[in-house]
PDB file of N, CA and C in Angstrom:
ATOM      1  N   MET A   1       7.126  -1.998  -0.578  1.00  0.00           N
ATOM      2  CA  MET A   1       6.772  -2.459   0.842  1.00  0.00           C
ATOM      3  C   MET A   1       5.811  -2.144   1.959  1.00  0.00           C
ATOM      4  N   ARG A   2       5.829  -0.685   1.334  1.00  0.00           N
ATOM      5  CA  ARG A   2       5.039   0.308   2.109  1.00  0.00           C
ATOM      6  C   ARG A   2       3.477  -0.509   2.571  1.00  0.00           C
ATOM      7  N   GLY A   3       3.191  -0.761   1.200  1.00  0.00           N
ATOM      8  CA  GLY A   3       1.506  -1.680   1.432  1.00  0.00           C
ATOM      9  C   GLY A   3       1.236  -2.451   1.836  1.00  0.00           C
ATOM     10  N   CYS A   4       2.393  -3.341   2.354  1.00  0.00           N
ATOM     11  CA  CYS A   4       1.910  -4.707   3.320  1.00  0.00           C
ATOM     12  C   CYS A   4       1.970  -4.289   4.716  1.00  0.00           C
ATOM     13  N   PHE A   5       2.148  -3.119   4.915  1.00  0.00           N
ATOM     14  CA  PHE A   5       2.744  -2.598   6.066  1.00  0.00           C
ATOM     15  C   PHE A   5       1.526  -1.213   7.020  1.00  0.00           C
ATOM     16  N   THR A   6       0.512  -1.938   6.299  1.00  0.00           N
ATOM     17  CA  THR A   6      -0.334  -0.476   6.960  1.00  0.00           C
ATOM     18  C   THR A   6      -0.409  -0.257   8.742  1.00  0.00           C
ATOM     19  N   SER A   7      -0.379  -0.956   9.028  1.00  0.00           N
ATOM     20  CA  SER A   7       0.011  -0.487  10.820  1.00  0.00           C
ATOM     21  C   SER A   7       1.216   0.141  10.468  1.00  0.00           C
ATOM     22  N   HIS A   8       2.065   0.422   9.947  1.00  0.00           N
ATOM     23  CA  HIS A   8       3.625   1.315  10.120  1.00  0.00           C
ATOM     24  C   HIS A   8       4.047   1.633   9.864  1.00  0.00           C
ATOM     25  N   GLN A   9       4.512   2.613   9.915  1.00  0.00           N
ATOM     26  CA  GLN A   9       4.825   3.723   8.352  1.00  0.00           C
ATOM     27  C   GLN A   9       6.981   3.358   8.108  1.00  0.00           C
ATOM     28  N   CYS A  10       6.613   2.902   6.580  1.00  0.00           N
ATOM     29  CA  CYS A  10       7.991   2.149   6.436  1.00  0.00           C
ATOM     30  C   CYS A  10       8.237   3.444   5.639  1.00  0.00           C
ATOM     31  N   VAL A  11       9.710   3.222   5.570  1.00  0.00           N
ATOM     32  CA  VAL A  11      10.435   4.776   4.714  1.00  0.00           C
ATOM     33  C   VAL A  11      11.973   4.119   4.529  1.00  0.00           C
ATOM     34  N   ALA A  12      12.088   4.550   3.278  1.00  0.00           N
ATOM     35  CA  ALA A  12      13.022   3.909   2.444  1.00  0.00           C
ATOM     36  C   ALA A  12      14.089   4.668   2.775  1.00  0.00           C
ATOM     37  N   VAL A  13      15.913   4.053   2.602  1.00  0.00           N
ATOM     38  CA  VAL A  13      16.321   4.698   2.900  1.00  0.00           C
ATOM     39  C   VAL A  13      16.339   6.249   1.792  1.00  0.00           C
ATOM     40  N   SER A  14      16.086   6.106   0.810  1.00  0.00           N
ATOM     41  CA  SER A  14      16.460   7.051  -0.291  1.00  0.00           C
ATOM     42  C   SER A  14      15.100   7.842   0.123  1.00  0.00           C
ATOM     43  N   ASP A  15      14.052   8.218   0.618  1.00  0.00           N
ATOM     44  CA  ASP A  15      12.604   8.837   1.389  1.00  0.00           C
ATOM     45  C   ASP A  15      13.245   9.588   2.459  1.00  0.00           C
ATOM     46  N   ARG A  16      14.168   9.495   3.001  1.00  0.00           N
ATOM     47  CA  ARG A  16      14.979  10.417   4.006  1.00  0.00           C
ATOM     48  C   ARG A  16      16.291  10.715   3.730  1.00  0.00           C
ATOM     49  N   GLY A  17      16.736  10.650   2.531  1.00  0.00           N
ATOM     50  CA  GLY A  17      18.027  11.270   1.549  1.00  0.00           C
ATOM     51  C   GLY A  17      19.166  10.944   2.258  1.00  0.00           C
ATOM     52  N   TRP A  18      18.879   9.917   2.743  1.00  0.00           N
ATOM     53  CA  TRP A  18      20.422   9.274   3.581  1.00  0.00           C
ATOM     54  C   TRP A  18      21.313   7.957   2.295  1.00  0.00           C
ATOM     55  N   LYS A  19      20.726   8.480   1.320  1.00  0.00           N
ATOM     56  CA  LYS A  19      21.278   7.085   0.068  1.00  0.00           C
ATOM     57  C   LYS A  19      22.710   7.247  -0.016  1.00  0.00           C
ATOM     58  N   GLY A  20      23.237   6.360  -0.270  1.00  0.00           N
ATOM     59  CA  GLY A  20      25.368   6.719   0.300  1.00  0.00           C
ATOM     60  C   GLY A  20      25.405   6.777   1.152  1.00  0.00           C
ATOM     61  N   ILE A  21      24.587   6.713   1.997  1.00  0.00           N
ATOM     62  CA  ILE A  21      25.421   6.688   4.066  1.00  0.00           C
ATOM     63  C   ILE A  21      25.859   5.347   3.819  1.00  0.00           C
ATOM     64  N   LYS A  22      27.158   5.058   4.598  1.00  0.00           N
ATOM     65  CA  LYS A  22      27.669   4.078   4.902  1.00  0.00           C
ATOM     66  C   LYS A  22      26.598   2.852   6.080  1.00  0.00           C
ATOM     67  N   ASN A  23      26.826   2.063   6.273  1.00  0.00           N
ATOM     68  CA  ASN A  23      25.924   1.776   7.515  1.00  0.00           C
ATOM     69  C   ASN A  23      25.851   1.562   8.590  1.00  0.00           C
ATOM     70  N   GLY A  24      27.057   1.338   9.072  1.00  0.00           N
ATOM     71  CA  GLY A  24      27.314   1.934  10.409  1.00  0.00           C
ATOM     72  C   GLY A  24      27.009   3.576  10.997  1.00  0.00           C
ATOM     73  N   GLU A  25      26.804   4.276   9.761  1.00  0.00           N
ATOM     74  CA  GLU A  25      26.038   5.987  10.279  1.00  0.00           C
ATOM     75  C   GLU A  25      24.696   5.319   9.843  1.00  0.00           C
ATOM     76  N   LEU A  26      24.025   4.623   8.961  1.00  0.00           N
ATOM     77  CA  LEU A  26      22.907   4.220   8.985  1.00  0.00           C
ATOM     78  C   LEU A  26      21.648   4.286   9.796  1.00  0.00           C
ATOM     79  N   LEU A  27      22.902   2.914  10.731  1.00  0.00           N
ATOM     80  CA  LEU A  27      22.218   2.078  12.213  1.00  0.00           C
ATOM     81  C   LEU A  27      21.946   3.405  13.165  1.00  0.00           C
ATOM     82  N   ARG A  28      23.006   4.066  12.765  1.00  0.00           N
ATOM     83  CA  ARG A  28      23.244   5.267  14.201  1.00  0.00           C
ATOM     84  C   ARG A  28      21.682   6.102  13.569  1.00  0.00           C
ATOM     85  N   LEU A  29      21.716   6.607  13.103  1.00  0.00           N
ATOM     86  CA  LEU A  29      20.453   7.340  12.359  1.00  0.00           C
ATOM     87  C   LEU A  29      19.634   6.979  12.409  1.00  0.00           C
ATOM     88  N   ALA A  30      19.368   5.822  11.763  1.00  0.00           N
ATOM     89  CA  ALA A  30      17.876   5.006  12.280  1.00  0.00           C
ATOM     90  C   ALA A  30      17.603   4.342  13.642  1.00  0.00           C
ATOM     91  N   GLU A  31      18.560   4.293  14.234  1.00  0.00           N
ATOM     92  CA  GLU A  31      18.341   3.685  15.745  1.00  0.00           C
ATOM     93  C   GLU A  31      17.807   5.349  16.928  1.00  0.00           C
ATOM     94  N   GLY A  32      17.889   6.227  15.924  1.00  0.00           N
ATOM     95  CA  GLY A  32      17.765   7.500  16.880  1.00  0.00           C
ATOM     96  C   GLY A  32      16.530   7.650  16.264  1.00  0.00           C
ATOM     97  N   GLN A  33      15.829   7.461  15.472  1.00  0.00           N
ATOM     98  CA  GLN A  33      14.277   8.124  14.798  1.00  0.00           C
ATOM     99  C   GLN A  33      13.556   6.781  14.300  1.00  0.00           C
ATOM    100  N   PHE A  34      13.230   5.513  14.272  1.00  0.00           N
ATOM    101  CA  PHE A  34      12.441   4.023  14.042  1.00  0.00           C
ATOM    102  C   PHE A  34      12.788   2.875  15.133  1.00  0.00           C
ATOM    103  N   ASP A  35      12.421   2.453  14.832  1.00  0.00           N
ATOM    104  CA  ASP A  35      12.053   0.801  15.898  1.00  0.00           C
ATOM    105  C   ASP A  35      12.254  -0.496  15.302  1.00  0.00           C
ATOM    106  N   LEU A  36      12.734  -0.319  14.108  1.00  0.00           N
ATOM    107  CA  LEU A  36      13.118  -2.042  13.682  1.00  0.00           C
ATOM    108  C   LEU A  36      13.545  -0.531  12.180  1.00  0.00           C
ATOM    109  N   PHE A  37      15.144  -1.786  11.934  1.00  0.00           N
ATOM    110  CA  PHE A  37      16.061  -1.986  10.573  1.00  0.00           C
ATOM    111  C   PHE A  37      15.930  -3.016   9.779  1.00  0.00           C
ATOM    112  N   ILE A  38      14.926  -2.580   8.779  1.00  0.00           N
ATOM    113  CA  ILE A  38      14.978  -3.923   7.397  1.00  0.00           C
ATOM    114  C   ILE A  38      15.734  -3.791   6.450  1.00  0.00           C
ATOM    115  N   THR A  39      16.770  -5.260   6.041  1.00  0.00           N
ATOM    116  CA  THR A  39      17.558  -4.996   5.539  1.00  0.00           C
ATOM    117  C   THR A  39      18.049  -6.188   4.652  1.00  0.00           C
ATOM    118  N   ALA A  40      18.224  -6.086   3.356  1.00  0.00           N
ATOM    119  CA  ALA A  40      18.697  -7.659   2.469  1.00  0.00           C
ATOM    120  C   ALA A  40      20.400  -7.252   2.670  1.00  0.00           C
ATOM    121  N   ASP A  41      20.946  -6.129   3.300  1.00  0.00           N
ATOM    122  CA  ASP A  41      22.369  -6.773   2.684  1.00  0.00           C
ATOM    123  C   ASP A  41      22.830  -7.750   4.089  1.00  0.00           C
ATOM    124  N   GLN A  42      23.070  -9.231   3.402  1.00  0.00           N
ATOM    125  CA  GLN A  42      23.493 -10.051   4.616  1.00  0.00           C
ATOM    126  C   GLN A  42      24.453 -10.258   4.790  1.00  0.00           C
ATOM    127  N   SER A  43      25.442  -8.994   4.958  1.00  0.00           N
ATOM    128  CA  SER A  43      26.394  -8.555   5.182  1.00  0.00           C
ATOM    129  C   SER A  43      26.968  -7.632   6.610  1.00  0.00           C
ATOM    130  N   ILE A  44      26.083  -7.304   6.047  1.00  0.00           N
ATOM    131  CA  ILE A  44      26.223  -5.972   7.740  1.00  0.00           C
ATOM    132  C   ILE A  44      26.442  -6.752   8.995  1.00  0.00           C
ATOM    133  N   ARG A  45      25.688  -7.929   9.606  1.00  0.00           N
ATOM    134  CA  ARG A  45      26.347  -8.630  10.735  1.00  0.00           C
ATOM    135  C   ARG A  45      27.735  -9.201  10.546  1.00  0.00           C
ATOM    136  N   TYR A  46      28.826  -9.206   9.296  1.00  0.00           N
ATOM    137  CA  TYR A  46      30.001  -9.307   9.633  1.00  0.00           C
ATOM    138  C   TYR A  46      30.786  -7.140   9.251  1.00  0.00           C
ATOM    139  N   GLN A  47      30.195  -7.090   9.044  1.00  0.00           N
ATOM    140  CA  GLN A  47      30.692  -5.296   8.663  1.00  0.00           C
ATOM    141  C   GLN A  47      30.688  -4.223  10.019  1.00  0.00           C
ATOM    142  N   GLN A  48      29.232  -4.494  10.408  1.00  0.00           N
ATOM    143  CA  GLN A  48      29.007  -3.679  11.843  1.00  0.00           C
ATOM    144  C   GLN A  48      29.294  -4.283  12.801  1.00  0.00           C
ATOM    145  N   ASN A  49      29.264  -3.158  13.567  1.00  0.00           N
ATOM    146  CA  ASN A  49      29.459  -4.537  15.377  1.00  0.00           C
ATOM    147  C   ASN A  49      27.564  -3.895  15.773  1.00  0.00           C
ATOM    148  N   ILE A  50      27.102  -5.091  15.600  1.00  0.00           N
ATOM    149  CA  ILE A  50      25.788  -4.934  15.609  1.00  0.00           C
ATOM    150  C   ILE A  50      25.019  -5.565  17.260  1.00  0.00           C
ATOM    151  N   SER A  51      26.514  -5.653  18.047  1.00  0.00           N
ATOM    152  CA  SER A  51      25.939  -6.048  19.420  1.00  0.00           C
ATOM    153  C   SER A  51      25.835  -4.397  20.405  1.00  0.00           C
ATOM    154  N   GLY A  52      25.002  -4.566  21.046  1.00  0.00           N
ATOM    155  CA  GLY A  52      24.274  -3.228  21.909  1.00  0.00           C
ATOM    156  C   GLY A  52      22.928  -2.283  21.335  1.00  0.00           C
ATOM    157  N   ARG A  53      22.784  -2.870  20.286  1.00  0.00           N
ATOM    158  CA  ARG A  53      22.543  -2.049  19.337  1.00  0.00           C
ATOM    159  C   ARG A  53      20.951  -1.891  20.143  1.00  0.00           C
ATOM    160  N   ARG A  54      20.377  -0.983  20.120  1.00  0.00           N
ATOM    161  CA  ARG A  54      18.725  -1.032  21.080  1.00  0.00           C
ATOM    162  C   ARG A  54      17.932  -0.982  19.402  1.00  0.00           C
ATOM    163  N   ILE A  55      17.785  -0.745  18.573  1.00  0.00           N
ATOM    164  CA  ILE A  55      17.381  -0.740  17.278  1.00  0.00           C
ATOM    165  C   ILE A  55      17.795  -2.571  17.008  1.00  0.00           C
ATOM    166  N   PRO A  56      15.950  -2.952  16.289  1.00  0.00           N
ATOM    167  CA  PRO A  56      15.962  -4.434  16.129  1.00  0.00           C
ATOM    168  C   PRO A  56      16.400  -4.665  14.545  1.00  0.00           C
ATOM    169  N   ILE A  57      16.867  -5.636  14.320  1.00  0.00           N
ATOM    170  CA  ILE A  57      17.652  -5.376  12.921  1.00  0.00           C
ATOM    171  C   ILE A  57      16.583  -6.883  12.441  1.00  0.00           C
ATOM    172  N   LEU A  58      16.344  -6.027  11.037  1.00  0.00           N
ATOM    173  CA  LEU A  58      15.845  -7.899  10.479  1.00  0.00           C
ATOM    174  C   LEU A  58      16.926  -7.513   8.969  1.00  0.00           C
ATOM    175  N   GLU A  59      17.518  -8.537   8.823  1.00  0.00           N
ATOM    176  CA  GLU A  59      17.951  -9.122   7.393  1.00  0.00           C
ATOM    177  C   GLU A  59      17.167  -9.944   7.017  1.00  0.00           C
ATOM    178  N   LEU A  60      16.768  -9.962   5.592  1.00  0.00           N
ATOM    179  CA  LEU A  60      15.945 -10.323   5.273  1.00  0.00           C
ATOM    180  C   LEU A  60      16.485 -10.976   3.913  1.00  0.00           C
ATOM    181  N   SER A  61      16.397 -12.527   3.154  1.00  0.00           N
ATOM    182  CA  SER A  61      17.043 -12.854   2.888  1.00  0.00           C
ATOM    183  C   SER A  61      16.693 -12.468   1.279  1.00  0.00           C
ATOM    184  N   THR A  62      16.947 -11.568   0.749  1.00  0.00           N
ATOM    185  CA  THR A  62      16.878 -11.386  -0.690  1.00  0.00           C
ATOM    186  C   THR A  62      16.070 -10.288  -0.442  1.00  0.00           C
ATOM    187  N   ASN A  63      16.119  -9.434  -2.394  1.00  0.00           N
ATOM    188  CA  ASN A  63      15.652  -7.701  -2.501  1.00  0.00           C
ATOM    189  C   ASN A  63      14.825  -8.316  -3.289  1.00  0.00           C
ATOM    190  N   ASP A  64      14.297  -9.428  -3.394  1.00  0.00           N
ATOM    191  CA  ASP A  64      13.236  -9.969  -4.520  1.00  0.00           C
ATOM    192  C   ASP A  64      12.309  -8.980  -3.912  1.00  0.00           C
ATOM    193  N   LEU A  65      11.093  -7.825  -5.043  1.00  0.00           N
ATOM    194  CA  LEU A  65       9.994  -7.546  -3.949  1.00  0.00           C
ATOM    195  C   LEU A  65       8.882  -8.672  -4.397  1.00  0.00           C
ATOM    196  N   ARG A  66       9.153  -9.484  -5.450  1.00  0.00           N
ATOM    197  CA  ARG A  66       8.184  -9.670  -6.091  1.00  0.00           C
ATOM    198  C   ARG A  66       7.626 -11.203  -4.148  1.00  0.00           C
ATOM    199  N   ARG A  67       8.960 -11.585  -4.375  1.00  0.00           N
ATOM    200  CA  ARG A  67       8.630 -12.637  -3.121  1.00  0.00           C
ATOM    201  C   ARG A  67       8.955 -12.584  -1.986  1.00  0.00           C
ATOM    202  N   ILE A  68       9.033 -11.087  -1.205  1.00  0.00           N
ATOM    203  CA  ILE A  68       8.865 -10.289  -0.122  1.00  0.00           C
ATOM    204  C   ILE A  68       7.057 -10.135  -0.436  1.00  0.00           C
ATOM    205  N   LEU A  69       6.742  -9.355  -1.110  1.00  0.00           N
ATOM    206  CA  LEU A  69       5.443  -9.371  -1.078  1.00  0.00           C
ATOM    207  C   LEU A  69       4.284 -10.428  -0.535  1.00  0.00           C
ATOM    208  N   ALA A  70       5.147 -11.578  -1.384  1.00  0.00           N
ATOM    209  CA  ALA A  70       4.245 -13.056  -1.389  1.00  0.00           C
ATOM    210  C   ALA A  70       4.645 -13.320  -0.036  1.00  0.00           C
ATOM    211  N   ALA A  71       5.782 -12.659   0.726  1.00  0.00           N
ATOM    212  CA  ALA A  71       5.702 -13.536   2.395  1.00  0.00           C
ATOM    213  C   ALA A  71       5.331 -12.507   3.331  1.00  0.00           C
ATOM    214  N   ALA A  72       4.298 -11.244   2.741  1.00  0.00           N
ATOM    215  CA  ALA A  72       4.469 -10.515   3.872  1.00  0.00           C
ATOM    216  C   ALA A  72       3.208 -10.780   5.060  1.00  0.00           C
ATOM    217  N   SER A  73       2.939 -11.888   4.754  1.00  0.00           N
ATOM    218  CA  SER A  73       1.864 -12.502   6.057  1.00  0.00           C
ATOM    219  C   SER A  73       3.239 -12.753   6.885  1.00  0.00           C
ATOM    220  N   LEU A  74       3.822 -13.440   6.486  1.00  0.00           N
ATOM    221  CA  LEU A  74       4.938 -14.485   7.526  1.00  0.00           C
ATOM    222  C   LEU A  74       5.856 -13.409   7.799  1.00  0.00           C
ATOM    223  N   LEU A  75       5.958 -12.135   7.055  1.00  0.00           N
ATOM    224  CA  LEU A  75       7.060 -10.664   7.484  1.00  0.00           C
ATOM    225  C   LEU A  75       6.680 -10.031   8.786  1.00  0.00           C
ATOM    226  N   GLN A  76       5.173  -9.540   8.465  1.00  0.00           N
ATOM    227  CA  GLN A  76       4.421  -9.184   9.154  1.00  0.00           C
ATOM    228  C   GLN A  76       4.819  -9.687  10.668  1.00  0.00           C
ATOM    229  N   SER A  77       4.899 -10.995  10.567  1.00  0.00           N
ATOM    230  CA  SER A  77       4.539 -12.159  12.183  1.00  0.00           C
ATOM    231  C   SER A  77       5.940 -11.821  13.066  1.00  0.00           C
ATOM    232  N   ALA A  78       7.031 -11.680  11.224  1.00  0.00           N
ATOM    233  CA  ALA A  78       8.863 -11.140  12.207  1.00  0.00           C
ATOM    234  C   ALA A  78       8.276  -9.729  12.749  1.00  0.00           C
ATOM    235  N   ILE A  79       7.892  -9.587  12.400  1.00  0.00           N
ATOM    236  CA  ILE A  79       7.967  -7.504  12.415  1.00  0.00           C
ATOM    237  C   ILE A  79       7.539  -7.472  13.820  1.00  0.00           C
ATOM    238  N   GLU A  80       6.375  -8.040  14.631  1.00  0.00           N
ATOM    239  CA  GLU A  80       5.615  -8.379  15.303  1.00  0.00           C
ATOM    240  C   GLU A  80       6.143  -8.290  16.427  1.00  0.00           C
ATOM    241  N   THR A  81       6.948  -9.629  16.442  1.00  0.00           N
ATOM    242  CA  THR A  81       7.700 -10.378  17.403  1.00  0.00           C
ATOM    243  C   THR A  81       8.925 -10.368  17.502  1.00  0.00           C
ATOM    244  N   ILE A  82      10.240  -8.829  16.993  1.00  0.00           N
ATOM    245  CA  ILE A  82      10.440  -8.746  17.064  1.00  0.00           C
ATOM    246  C   ILE A  82      11.562  -7.954  18.718  1.00  0.00           C
ATOM    247  N   LYS A  83      12.237  -8.144  19.211  1.00  0.00           N
ATOM    248  CA  LYS A  83      12.527  -7.465  20.126  1.00  0.00           C
ATOM    249  C   LYS A  83      13.296  -7.174  20.131  1.00  0.00           C
ATOM    250  N   PRO A  84      13.844  -5.039  21.001  1.00  0.00           N
ATOM    251  CA  PRO A  84      14.516  -4.507  20.912  1.00  0.00           C
ATOM    252  C   PRO A  84      16.181  -5.039  20.789  1.00  0.00           C
ATOM    253  N   GLY A  85      16.679  -4.953  20.368  1.00  0.00           N
ATOM    254  CA  GLY A  85      18.734  -4.999  20.574  1.00  0.00           C
ATOM    255  C   GLY A  85      17.969  -6.575  19.789  1.00  0.00           C
ATOM    256  N   GLU A  86      17.433  -6.773  19.393  1.00  0.00           N
ATOM    257  CA  GLU A  86      17.672  -7.778  18.501  1.00  0.00           C
ATOM    258  C   GLU A  86      17.903  -8.177  16.917  1.00  0.00           C
ATOM    259  N   PHE A  87      18.589  -9.131  16.675  1.00  0.00           N
ATOM    260  CA  PHE A  87      19.126  -9.349  15.625  1.00  0.00           C
ATOM    261  C   PHE A  87      18.775 -10.398  14.550  1.00  0.00           C
ATOM    262  N   ARG A  88      17.827 -10.363  13.531  1.00  0.00           N
ATOM    263  CA  ARG A  88      17.691 -11.906  13.468  1.00  0.00           C
ATOM    264  C   ARG A  88      17.566 -12.196  12.086  1.00  0.00           C
ATOM    265  N   GLN A  89      17.623 -12.934  11.226  1.00  0.00           N
ATOM    266  CA  GLN A  89      17.311 -13.463   9.854  1.00  0.00           C
ATOM    267  C   GLN A  89      16.276 -13.207   9.820  1.00  0.00           C
ATOM    268  N   PHE A  90      15.506 -13.636   8.048  1.00  0.00           N
ATOM    269  CA  PHE A  90      14.686 -14.164   7.677  1.00  0.00           C
ATOM    270  C   PHE A  90      14.597 -14.378   6.450  1.00  0.00           C
ATOM    271  N   GLU A  91      13.701 -16.126   6.325  1.00  0.00           N
ATOM    272  CA  GLU A  91      14.182 -15.921   5.323  1.00  0.00           C
ATOM    273  C   GLU A  91      13.302 -16.314   4.513  1.00  0.00           C
ATOM    274  N   ILE A  92      13.395 -15.607   2.887  1.00  0.00           N
ATOM    275  CA  ILE A  92      11.645 -15.370   2.227  1.00  0.00           C
ATOM    276  C   ILE A  92      11.849 -16.798   1.547  1.00  0.00           C
ATOM    277  N   PRO A  93      10.591 -17.414   1.126  1.00  0.00           N
ATOM    278  CA  PRO A  93      10.498 -18.176   0.684  1.00  0.00           C
ATOM    279  C   PRO A  93      10.284 -18.103  -0.445  1.00  0.00           C
TER     280      PRO A  93
END
């Protein structure tokens, strides 16, 4: 995904050494260091209290990289318009 968003810094959980950290703690860490949290975990809104978060959360409908890359321009638009604290589901065609 990094190649699609050259005007943004994209960092994977594994790049930060955060692999294995549960979503609640992961959101807390990300909130202090990033402007946006993108996930393909469709359970995050049920498993975590996302209300009151400052970091916007963009939930992708798939983790299929081919489909995500094909929808890069649509995804870029969603990234540019999401607001702080907003939770948004993004349907990948």
